[in-house]
Amino acid sequence: MRLNRFLAQAGLSSRRGADVLIAAGRVTVNGETVTRLGTDVDPARDAVTLDGRAVALPPSFTYVLLNKPAGVVVTMSDPQRRRTVAALVSDVGARVVPVGRLDADTEGLLLMTDDGALAHRVAHPSFELDKVYRVEAWGVLSEAERKRLETGVDLDGRVTAPASVSVLSTAGNTTVAEITLHEGRKRQVRRMFEEVGHRVLRLVRTRLGPLALGDLGPGDHRPLTPDELESLRAAVEGGKKEARRRGGATP
């Protein structure tokens, strides 16, 4: 395994950030300082340190990307005996839990994992991961209404944060739009569109940070690829640095 990937999988930085650490002479392998990029290590045999502290890979975690269908509730069990996301991932061999929430009627990308630390960062608003939704709404969304959605609408006495909204198509009396936001208030997208006079007919989350739904079928799931996992870690690390720059909280 490349040393930079080892450091990234240990949760110390992105792979690119690991290259910076290596080039700065802060990493040793078996007691020898390593500065050459592209160095290989054997996690089972080699002793790696960063700034004198031993580095080891974390316990093996499971990361699953699920395409949640409408009508499925995002919970591990339900007293009303509705179908849950837990039933859809019962074959993965680990007890993975959902990261964040999607309403029962909302479809699309849901990350599930047993890595609590990463899950907390992905779900926490201070890390500001983009959430992208495809919205099918009743009526034709005007330019003025689109700008209102972007600049913010009042929900329960608090204006929503700036968003990005683009109209993808209109057909008859329906609009298909894409909205990108960072917040995650309860039923936020539906309530935002209702606030400007358009009832949402269908809502699908298509992206979460660097993760994309792609052509995954409803109810299907797949493991994250190593590159997706590294990109996700890099994204929350970048969000943490930005929050610190602004003086915000970073758990």
C-alpha atoms as a PDB file:
ATOM      1  CA  MET A   1       0.000   0.000   0.000  1.00  0.00           C
ATOM      2  CA  ARG A   2       1.247   3.497  -0.810  1.00  0.00           C
ATOM      3  CA  LEU A   3       2.259   5.424   2.289  1.00  0.00           C
ATOM      4  CA  ASN A   4      -0.014   8.362   1.467  1.00  0.00           C
ATOM      5  CA  ARG A   5      -3.020   6.036   1.177  1.00  0.00           C
ATOM      6  CA  PHE A   6      -2.071   4.414   4.487  1.00  0.00           C
ATOM      7  CA  LEU A   7      -2.022   7.816   6.216  1.00  0.00           C
ATOM      8  CA  ALA A   8      -5.320   8.763   4.586  1.00  0.00           C
ATOM      9  CA  GLN A   9      -7.001   5.526   5.651  1.00  0.00           C
ATOM     10  CA  ALA A  10      -5.684   6.110   9.164  1.00  0.00           C
ATOM     11  CA  GLY A  11      -7.821   9.255   9.143  1.00  0.00           C
ATOM     12  CA  LEU A  12      -4.925  11.724   9.405  1.00  0.00           C
ATOM     13  CA  SER A  13      -5.528  13.622   6.170  1.00  0.00           C
ATOM     14  CA  SER A  14      -6.469  13.268   2.548  1.00  0.00           C
ATOM     15  CA  ARG A  15      -3.982  11.485   0.294  1.00  0.00           C
ATOM     16  CA  ARG A  16      -2.788  14.820  -1.066  1.00  0.00           C
ATOM     17  CA  GLY A  17      -2.397  16.137   2.474  1.00  0.00           C
ATOM     18  CA  ALA A  18      -0.416  13.008   3.351  1.00  0.00           C
ATOM     19  CA  ASP A  19       2.025  13.808   0.542  1.00  0.00           C
ATOM     20  CA  VAL A  20       2.657  17.185   2.203  1.00  0.00           C
ATOM     21  CA  LEU A  21       3.334  15.491   5.548  1.00  0.00           C
ATOM     22  CA  ILE A  22       5.747  13.037   3.917  1.00  0.00           C
ATOM     23  CA  ALA A  23       7.611  15.712   1.960  1.00  0.00           C
ATOM     24  CA  ALA A  24       8.001  17.746   5.156  1.00  0.00           C
ATOM     25  CA  GLY A  25       9.886  14.875   6.797  1.00  0.00           C
ATOM     26  CA  ARG A  26       7.269  14.288   9.476  1.00  0.00           C
ATOM     27  CA  VAL A  27       6.745  10.599   8.714  1.00  0.00           C
ATOM     28  CA  THR A  28       8.995   7.650   9.560  1.00  0.00           C
ATOM     29  CA  VAL A  29       8.799   4.020   8.462  1.00  0.00           C
ATOM     30  CA  ASN A  30      10.580   1.515  10.703  1.00  0.00           C
ATOM     31  CA  GLY A  31      12.476   4.353  12.357  1.00  0.00           C
ATOM     32  CA  GLU A  32      13.685   5.943   9.122  1.00  0.00           C
ATOM     33  CA  THR A  33      12.404   9.332   7.964  1.00  0.00           C
ATOM     34  CA  VAL A  34      10.727   8.986   4.578  1.00  0.00           C
ATOM     35  CA  THR A  35      10.376  11.935   2.193  1.00  0.00           C
ATOM     36  CA  ARG A  36      10.028  10.118  -1.118  1.00  0.00           C
ATOM     37  CA  LEU A  37       6.494  10.235  -2.470  1.00  0.00           C
ATOM     38  CA  GLY A  38       5.298   6.882  -3.729  1.00  0.00           C
ATOM     39  CA  THR A  39       6.846   4.884  -0.885  1.00  0.00           C
ATOM     40  CA  ASP A  40       5.088   1.574  -0.212  1.00  0.00           C
ATOM     41  CA  VAL A  41       4.379   0.137   3.242  1.00  0.00           C
ATOM     42  CA  ASP A  42       2.974  -3.114   4.559  1.00  0.00           C
ATOM     43  CA  PRO A  43       0.426  -2.232   7.291  1.00  0.00           C
ATOM     44  CA  ALA A  44       0.895  -5.655   8.875  1.00  0.00           C
ATOM     45  CA  ARG A  45       4.683  -5.436   9.171  1.00  0.00           C
ATOM     46  CA  ASP A  46       5.910  -1.823   8.976  1.00  0.00           C
ATOM     47  CA  ALA A  47       5.931   0.627  11.896  1.00  0.00           C
ATOM     48  CA  VAL A  48       4.811   4.091  10.790  1.00  0.00           C
ATOM     49  CA  THR A  49       4.933   7.276  12.867  1.00  0.00           C
ATOM     50  CA  LEU A  50       3.807  10.855  12.314  1.00  0.00           C
ATOM     51  CA  ASP A  51       5.633  13.445  14.413  1.00  0.00           C
ATOM     52  CA  GLY A  52       6.870  10.605  16.607  1.00  0.00           C
ATOM     53  CA  ARG A  53       3.443   9.105  17.248  1.00  0.00           C
ATOM     54  CA  ALA A  54       2.574   5.614  16.039  1.00  0.00           C
ATOM     55  CA  VAL A  55       0.054   5.429  13.226  1.00  0.00           C
ATOM     56  CA  ALA A  56      -2.234   2.448  12.689  1.00  0.00           C
ATOM     57  CA  LEU A  57      -5.210   1.736  10.509  1.00  0.00           C
ATOM     58  CA  PRO A  58      -8.548   1.966  12.324  1.00  0.00           C
ATOM     59  CA  PRO A  59     -10.771  -1.065  12.777  1.00  0.00           C
ATOM     60  CA  SER A  60     -12.411  -2.159   9.569  1.00  0.00           C
ATOM     61  CA  PHE A  61     -15.557  -0.135   8.905  1.00  0.00           C
ATOM     62  CA  THR A  62     -18.366  -0.640   6.408  1.00  0.00           C
ATOM     63  CA  TYR A  63     -19.611   2.175   4.166  1.00  0.00           C
ATOM     64  CA  VAL A  64     -22.760   1.678   2.111  1.00  0.00           C
ATOM     65  CA  LEU A  65     -24.434   3.932  -0.426  1.00  0.00           C
ATOM     66  CA  LEU A  66     -28.175   3.202  -0.596  1.00  0.00           C
ATOM     67  CA  ASN A  67     -30.823   4.449  -3.008  1.00  0.00           C
ATOM     68  CA  LYS A  68     -33.722   4.834  -0.577  1.00  0.00           C
ATOM     69  CA  PRO A  69     -37.126   4.328  -2.184  1.00  0.00           C
ATOM     70  CA  ALA A  70     -40.174   6.404  -1.297  1.00  0.00           C
ATOM     71  CA  GLY A  71     -42.195   5.027   1.605  1.00  0.00           C
ATOM     72  CA  VAL A  72     -39.193   3.592   3.455  1.00  0.00           C
ATOM     73  CA  VAL A  73     -38.422   5.194   6.823  1.00  0.00           C
ATOM     74  CA  VAL A  74     -34.879   6.137   7.831  1.00  0.00           C
ATOM     75  CA  THR A  75     -34.655   4.286  11.118  1.00  0.00           C
ATOM     76  CA  MET A  76     -33.311   0.957  12.302  1.00  0.00           C
ATOM     77  CA  SER A  77     -36.678  -0.175  13.701  1.00  0.00           C
ATOM     78  CA  ASP A  78     -40.196   1.171  13.555  1.00  0.00           C
ATOM     79  CA  PRO A  79     -42.989   0.569  16.093  1.00  0.00           C
ATOM     80  CA  GLN A  80     -45.539   1.019  13.306  1.00  0.00           C
ATOM     81  CA  ARG A  81     -43.888  -1.839  11.415  1.00  0.00           C
ATOM     82  CA  ARG A  82     -43.217   0.245   8.348  1.00  0.00           C
ATOM     83  CA  ARG A  83     -40.423  -0.818   6.030  1.00  0.00           C
ATOM     84  CA  THR A  84     -37.081   0.556   7.219  1.00  0.00           C
ATOM     85  CA  VAL A  85     -33.695   1.161   5.627  1.00  0.00           C
ATOM     86  CA  ALA A  86     -32.276  -1.451   8.008  1.00  0.00           C
ATOM     87  CA  ALA A  87     -34.165  -4.117   6.069  1.00  0.00           C
ATOM     88  CA  LEU A  88     -32.612  -2.939   2.801  1.00  0.00           C
ATOM     89  CA  VAL A  89     -29.027  -3.398   4.056  1.00  0.00           C
ATOM     90  CA  SER A  90     -29.483  -6.514   6.171  1.00  0.00           C
ATOM     91  CA  ASP A  91     -27.114  -8.436   3.896  1.00  0.00           C
ATOM     92  CA  VAL A  92     -24.012  -6.241   4.275  1.00  0.00           C
ATOM     93  CA  GLY A  93     -22.621  -8.172   7.238  1.00  0.00           C
ATOM     94  CA  ALA A  94     -22.349  -5.210   9.623  1.00  0.00           C
ATOM     95  CA  ARG A  95     -24.742  -3.066  11.620  1.00  0.00           C
ATOM     96  CA  VAL A  96     -24.616   0.124   9.587  1.00  0.00           C
ATOM     97  CA  VAL A  97     -26.803   3.075  10.539  1.00  0.00           C
ATOM     98  CA  PRO A  98     -28.018   6.002   8.428  1.00  0.00           C
ATOM     99  CA  VAL A  99     -26.023   9.219   8.285  1.00  0.00           C
ATOM    100  CA  GLY A 100     -28.541  12.038   8.556  1.00  0.00           C
ATOM    101  CA  ARG A 101     -32.142  11.593   7.510  1.00  0.00           C
ATOM    102  CA  LEU A 102     -34.436  11.569   4.521  1.00  0.00           C
ATOM    103  CA  ASP A 103     -38.188  11.932   4.893  1.00  0.00           C
ATOM    104  CA  ALA A 104     -40.232   8.806   4.249  1.00  0.00           C
ATOM    105  CA  ASP A 105     -41.533  10.268   0.987  1.00  0.00           C
ATOM    106  CA  THR A 106     -38.086  11.401  -0.180  1.00  0.00           C
ATOM    107  CA  GLU A 107     -35.980   9.116  -2.349  1.00  0.00           C
ATOM    108  CA  GLY A 108     -32.339   8.855  -3.199  1.00  0.00           C
ATOM    109  CA  LEU A 109     -28.841   8.815  -1.798  1.00  0.00           C
ATOM    110  CA  LEU A 110     -28.396   7.758   1.808  1.00  0.00           C
ATOM    111  CA  LEU A 111     -25.014   6.952   3.342  1.00  0.00           C
ATOM    112  CA  MET A 112     -24.989   4.189   5.965  1.00  0.00           C
ATOM    113  CA  THR A 113     -21.962   3.182   8.030  1.00  0.00           C
ATOM    114  CA  ASP A 114     -20.673   1.884  11.348  1.00  0.00           C
ATOM    115  CA  ASP A 115     -17.934   4.547  11.402  1.00  0.00           C
ATOM    116  CA  GLY A 116     -19.392   6.881  14.023  1.00  0.00           C
ATOM    117  CA  ALA A 117     -16.685   9.536  13.794  1.00  0.00           C
ATOM    118  CA  LEU A 118     -17.032  10.018  10.046  1.00  0.00           C
ATOM    119  CA  ALA A 119     -20.817   9.832  10.258  1.00  0.00           C
ATOM    120  CA  HIS A 120     -20.837  12.662  12.807  1.00  0.00           C
ATOM    121  CA  ARG A 121     -18.723  14.874  10.575  1.00  0.00           C
ATOM    122  CA  VAL A 122     -20.776  14.179   7.456  1.00  0.00           C
ATOM    123  CA  ALA A 123     -24.046  14.936   9.251  1.00  0.00           C
ATOM    124  CA  HIS A 124     -22.863  18.000  11.190  1.00  0.00           C
ATOM    125  CA  PRO A 125     -23.847  21.302   9.469  1.00  0.00           C
ATOM    126  CA  SER A 126     -20.507  22.972  10.273  1.00  0.00           C
ATOM    127  CA  PHE A 127     -18.817  20.817   7.637  1.00  0.00           C
ATOM    128  CA  GLU A 128     -21.173  22.180   4.949  1.00  0.00           C
ATOM    129  CA  LEU A 129     -21.320  19.249   2.551  1.00  0.00           C
ATOM    130  CA  ASP A 130     -23.402  19.995  -0.516  1.00  0.00           C
ATOM    131  CA  LYS A 131     -26.736  18.185  -0.630  1.00  0.00           C
ATOM    132  CA  VAL A 132     -28.217  18.086  -4.132  1.00  0.00           C
ATOM    133  CA  TYR A 133     -31.863  17.246  -4.777  1.00  0.00           C
ATOM    134  CA  ARG A 134     -33.891  16.763  -7.942  1.00  0.00           C
ATOM    135  CA  VAL A 135     -37.312  18.302  -7.384  1.00  0.00           C
ATOM    136  CA  GLU A 136     -40.483  17.726  -9.373  1.00  0.00           C
ATOM    137  CA  ALA A 137     -42.976  20.398  -8.321  1.00  0.00           C
ATOM    138  CA  TRP A 138     -46.471  21.461  -9.277  1.00  0.00           C
ATOM    139  CA  GLY A 139     -46.681  24.629 -11.371  1.00  0.00           C
ATOM    140  CA  VAL A 140     -44.130  26.618 -13.355  1.00  0.00           C
ATOM    141  CA  LEU A 141     -41.371  28.084 -11.195  1.00  0.00           C
ATOM    142  CA  SER A 142     -40.864  31.734 -12.124  1.00  0.00           C
ATOM    143  CA  GLU A 143     -37.497  33.461 -12.141  1.00  0.00           C
ATOM    144  CA  ALA A 144     -38.546  35.578  -9.171  1.00  0.00           C
ATOM    145  CA  GLU A 145     -39.520  32.462  -7.214  1.00  0.00           C
ATOM    146  CA  ARG A 146     -36.263  30.748  -8.145  1.00  0.00           C
ATOM    147  CA  LYS A 147     -34.291  33.741  -6.814  1.00  0.00           C
ATOM    148  CA  ARG A 148     -36.323  33.704  -3.602  1.00  0.00           C
ATOM    149  CA  LEU A 149     -35.351  30.088  -3.050  1.00  0.00           C
ATOM    150  CA  GLU A 150     -31.717  30.950  -3.649  1.00  0.00           C
ATOM    151  CA  THR A 151     -31.563  33.976  -1.363  1.00  0.00           C
ATOM    152  CA  GLY A 152     -33.622  32.367   1.413  1.00  0.00           C
ATOM    153  CA  VAL A 153     -37.209  31.977   2.573  1.00  0.00           C
ATOM    154  CA  ASP A 154     -38.591  32.248   6.083  1.00  0.00           C
ATOM    155  CA  LEU A 155     -39.284  28.905   7.764  1.00  0.00           C
ATOM    156  CA  ASP A 156     -40.525  29.135  11.347  1.00  0.00           C
ATOM    157  CA  GLY A 157     -39.068  32.622  11.805  1.00  0.00           C
ATOM    158  CA  ARG A 158     -35.615  31.755  10.462  1.00  0.00           C
ATOM    159  CA  VAL A 159     -34.457  32.434   6.911  1.00  0.00           C
ATOM    160  CA  THR A 160     -32.894  29.527   5.064  1.00  0.00           C
ATOM    161  CA  ALA A 161     -29.236  29.781   4.101  1.00  0.00           C
ATOM    162  CA  PRO A 162     -28.345  30.699   0.503  1.00  0.00           C
ATOM    163  CA  ALA A 163     -28.909  27.848  -1.948  1.00  0.00           C
ATOM    164  CA  SER A 164     -28.362  27.185  -5.633  1.00  0.00           C
ATOM    165  CA  VAL A 165     -31.452  26.472  -7.761  1.00  0.00           C
ATOM    166  CA  SER A 166     -31.639  25.694 -11.467  1.00  0.00           C
ATOM    167  CA  VAL A 167     -34.679  24.797 -13.565  1.00  0.00           C
ATOM    168  CA  LEU A 168     -34.007  21.637 -15.569  1.00  0.00           C
ATOM    169  CA  SER A 169     -37.270  21.447 -17.485  1.00  0.00           C
ATOM    170  CA  THR A 170     -40.925  22.396 -17.540  1.00  0.00           C
ATOM    171  CA  ALA A 171     -43.702  20.259 -18.987  1.00  0.00           C
ATOM    172  CA  GLY A 172     -47.349  21.171 -18.802  1.00  0.00           C
ATOM    173  CA  ASN A 173     -47.937  22.433 -15.294  1.00  0.00           C
ATOM    174  CA  THR A 174     -44.892  20.878 -13.606  1.00  0.00           C
ATOM    175  CA  THR A 175     -41.311  21.996 -13.092  1.00  0.00           C
ATOM    176  CA  VAL A 176     -38.251  19.829 -12.637  1.00  0.00           C
ATOM    177  CA  ALA A 177     -35.498  21.679 -10.783  1.00  0.00           C
ATOM    178  CA  GLU A 178     -32.239  20.981  -8.981  1.00  0.00           C
ATOM    179  CA  ILE A 179     -31.462  22.558  -5.631  1.00  0.00           C
ATOM    180  CA  THR A 180     -28.159  22.484  -3.764  1.00  0.00           C
ATOM    181  CA  LEU A 181     -28.060  23.409  -0.094  1.00  0.00           C
ATOM    182  CA  HIS A 182     -25.997  22.803   3.043  1.00  0.00           C
ATOM    183  CA  GLU A 183     -28.702  22.862   5.689  1.00  0.00           C
ATOM    184  CA  GLY A 184     -30.786  19.897   6.744  1.00  0.00           C
ATOM    185  CA  ARG A 185     -33.916  21.173   8.458  1.00  0.00           C
ATOM    186  CA  LYS A 186     -36.929  18.910   8.695  1.00  0.00           C
ATOM    187  CA  ARG A 187     -38.682  18.650   5.301  1.00  0.00           C
ATOM    188  CA  GLN A 188     -36.717  21.705   4.242  1.00  0.00           C
ATOM    189  CA  VAL A 189     -36.832  21.401   0.454  1.00  0.00           C
ATOM    190  CA  ARG A 190     -40.560  20.631   0.424  1.00  0.00           C
ATOM    191  CA  ARG A 191     -41.294  23.543   2.761  1.00  0.00           C
ATOM    192  CA  MET A 192     -39.119  25.945   0.760  1.00  0.00           C
ATOM    193  CA  PHE A 193     -40.981  25.180  -2.446  1.00  0.00           C
ATOM    194  CA  GLU A 194     -44.337  25.387  -0.684  1.00  0.00           C
ATOM    195  CA  GLU A 195     -43.313  28.801   0.655  1.00  0.00           C
ATOM    196  CA  VAL A 196     -43.033  30.108  -2.922  1.00  0.00           C
ATOM    197  CA  GLY A 197     -46.288  28.426  -3.977  1.00  0.00           C
ATOM    198  CA  HIS A 198     -45.229  25.073  -5.416  1.00  0.00           C
ATOM    199  CA  ARG A 199     -46.118  21.686  -3.964  1.00  0.00           C
ATOM    200  CA  VAL A 200     -43.400  19.075  -4.355  1.00  0.00           C
ATOM    201  CA  LEU A 201     -44.573  15.983  -6.188  1.00  0.00           C
ATOM    202  CA  ARG A 202     -41.325  14.024  -6.068  1.00  0.00           C
ATOM    203  CA  LEU A 203     -38.008  14.624  -4.306  1.00  0.00           C
ATOM    204  CA  VAL A 204     -34.786  12.688  -4.913  1.00  0.00           C
ATOM    205  CA  ARG A 205     -31.398  13.333  -3.313  1.00  0.00           C
ATOM    206  CA  THR A 206     -28.829  12.768  -6.036  1.00  0.00           C
ATOM    207  CA  ARG A 207     -25.606  13.844  -4.336  1.00  0.00           C
ATOM    208  CA  LEU A 208     -24.059  14.213  -0.885  1.00  0.00           C
ATOM    209  CA  GLY A 209     -20.709  15.977  -0.993  1.00  0.00           C
ATOM    210  CA  PRO A 210     -18.548  13.983  -3.428  1.00  0.00           C
ATOM    211  CA  LEU A 211     -20.921  10.988  -3.406  1.00  0.00           C
ATOM    212  CA  ALA A 212     -23.281  10.632  -6.377  1.00  0.00           C
ATOM    213  CA  LEU A 213     -26.319   8.381  -6.721  1.00  0.00           C
ATOM    214  CA  GLY A 214     -25.505   7.543 -10.327  1.00  0.00           C
ATOM    215  CA  ASP A 215     -27.537   4.708 -11.842  1.00  0.00           C
ATOM    216  CA  LEU A 216     -28.099   2.782  -8.610  1.00  0.00           C
ATOM    217  CA  GLY A 217     -31.634   1.381  -8.673  1.00  0.00           C
ATOM    218  CA  PRO A 218     -34.294   2.126  -6.027  1.00  0.00           C
ATOM    219  CA  GLY A 219     -33.748  -0.096  -2.993  1.00  0.00           C
ATOM    220  CA  ASP A 220     -30.295  -1.149  -4.173  1.00  0.00           C
ATOM    221  CA  HIS A 221     -27.044  -0.508  -2.333  1.00  0.00           C
ATOM    222  CA  ARG A 222     -23.321  -0.806  -2.949  1.00  0.00           C
ATOM    223  CA  PRO A 223     -20.116  -0.274  -0.951  1.00  0.00           C
ATOM    224  CA  LEU A 224     -18.237   2.980  -1.316  1.00  0.00           C
ATOM    225  CA  THR A 225     -15.141   2.710  -3.450  1.00  0.00           C
ATOM    226  CA  PRO A 226     -11.788   3.567  -1.839  1.00  0.00           C
ATOM    227  CA  ASP A 227     -11.629   6.743  -3.935  1.00  0.00           C
ATOM    228  CA  GLU A 228     -15.128   7.793  -2.821  1.00  0.00           C
ATOM    229  CA  LEU A 229     -14.222   7.224   0.814  1.00  0.00           C
ATOM    230  CA  GLU A 230     -11.031   9.220   0.479  1.00  0.00           C
ATOM    231  CA  SER A 231     -12.902  12.046  -1.288  1.00  0.00           C
ATOM    232  CA  LEU A 232     -15.515  12.078   1.474  1.00  0.00           C
ATOM    233  CA  ARG A 233     -12.850  12.301   4.167  1.00  0.00           C
ATOM    234  CA  ALA A 234     -11.112  15.079   2.258  1.00  0.00           C
ATOM    235  CA  ALA A 235     -14.416  16.957   1.903  1.00  0.00           C
ATOM    236  CA  VAL A 236     -15.181  16.955   5.628  1.00  0.00           C
ATOM    237  CA  GLU A 237     -11.574  17.872   6.382  1.00  0.00           C
ATOM    238  CA  GLY A 238     -11.906  20.845   4.026  1.00  0.00           C
ATOM    239  CA  GLY A 239     -15.185  21.827   5.690  1.00  0.00           C
ATOM    240  CA  LYS A 240     -13.554  21.677   9.108  1.00  0.00           C
ATOM    241  CA  LYS A 241     -10.752  23.989   8.007  1.00  0.00           C
ATOM    242  CA  GLU A 242     -13.243  26.466   6.536  1.00  0.00           C
ATOM    243  CA  ALA A 243     -15.310  26.447   9.744  1.00  0.00           C
ATOM    244  CA  ARG A 244     -12.174  27.098  11.779  1.00  0.00           C
ATOM    245  CA  ARG A 245     -11.237  29.986   9.491  1.00  0.00           C
ATOM    246  CA  ARG A 246     -14.641  31.552  10.177  1.00  0.00           C
ATOM    247  CA  GLY A 247     -14.401  30.784  13.892  1.00  0.00           C
ATOM    248  CA  GLY A 248     -17.169  28.212  13.837  1.00  0.00           C
ATOM    249  CA  ALA A 249     -17.489  25.054  15.922  1.00  0.00           C
ATOM    250  CA  THR A 250     -15.795  21.931  14.672  1.00  0.00           C
ATOM    251  CA  PRO A 251     -16.502  18.758  16.588  1.00  0.00           C
END
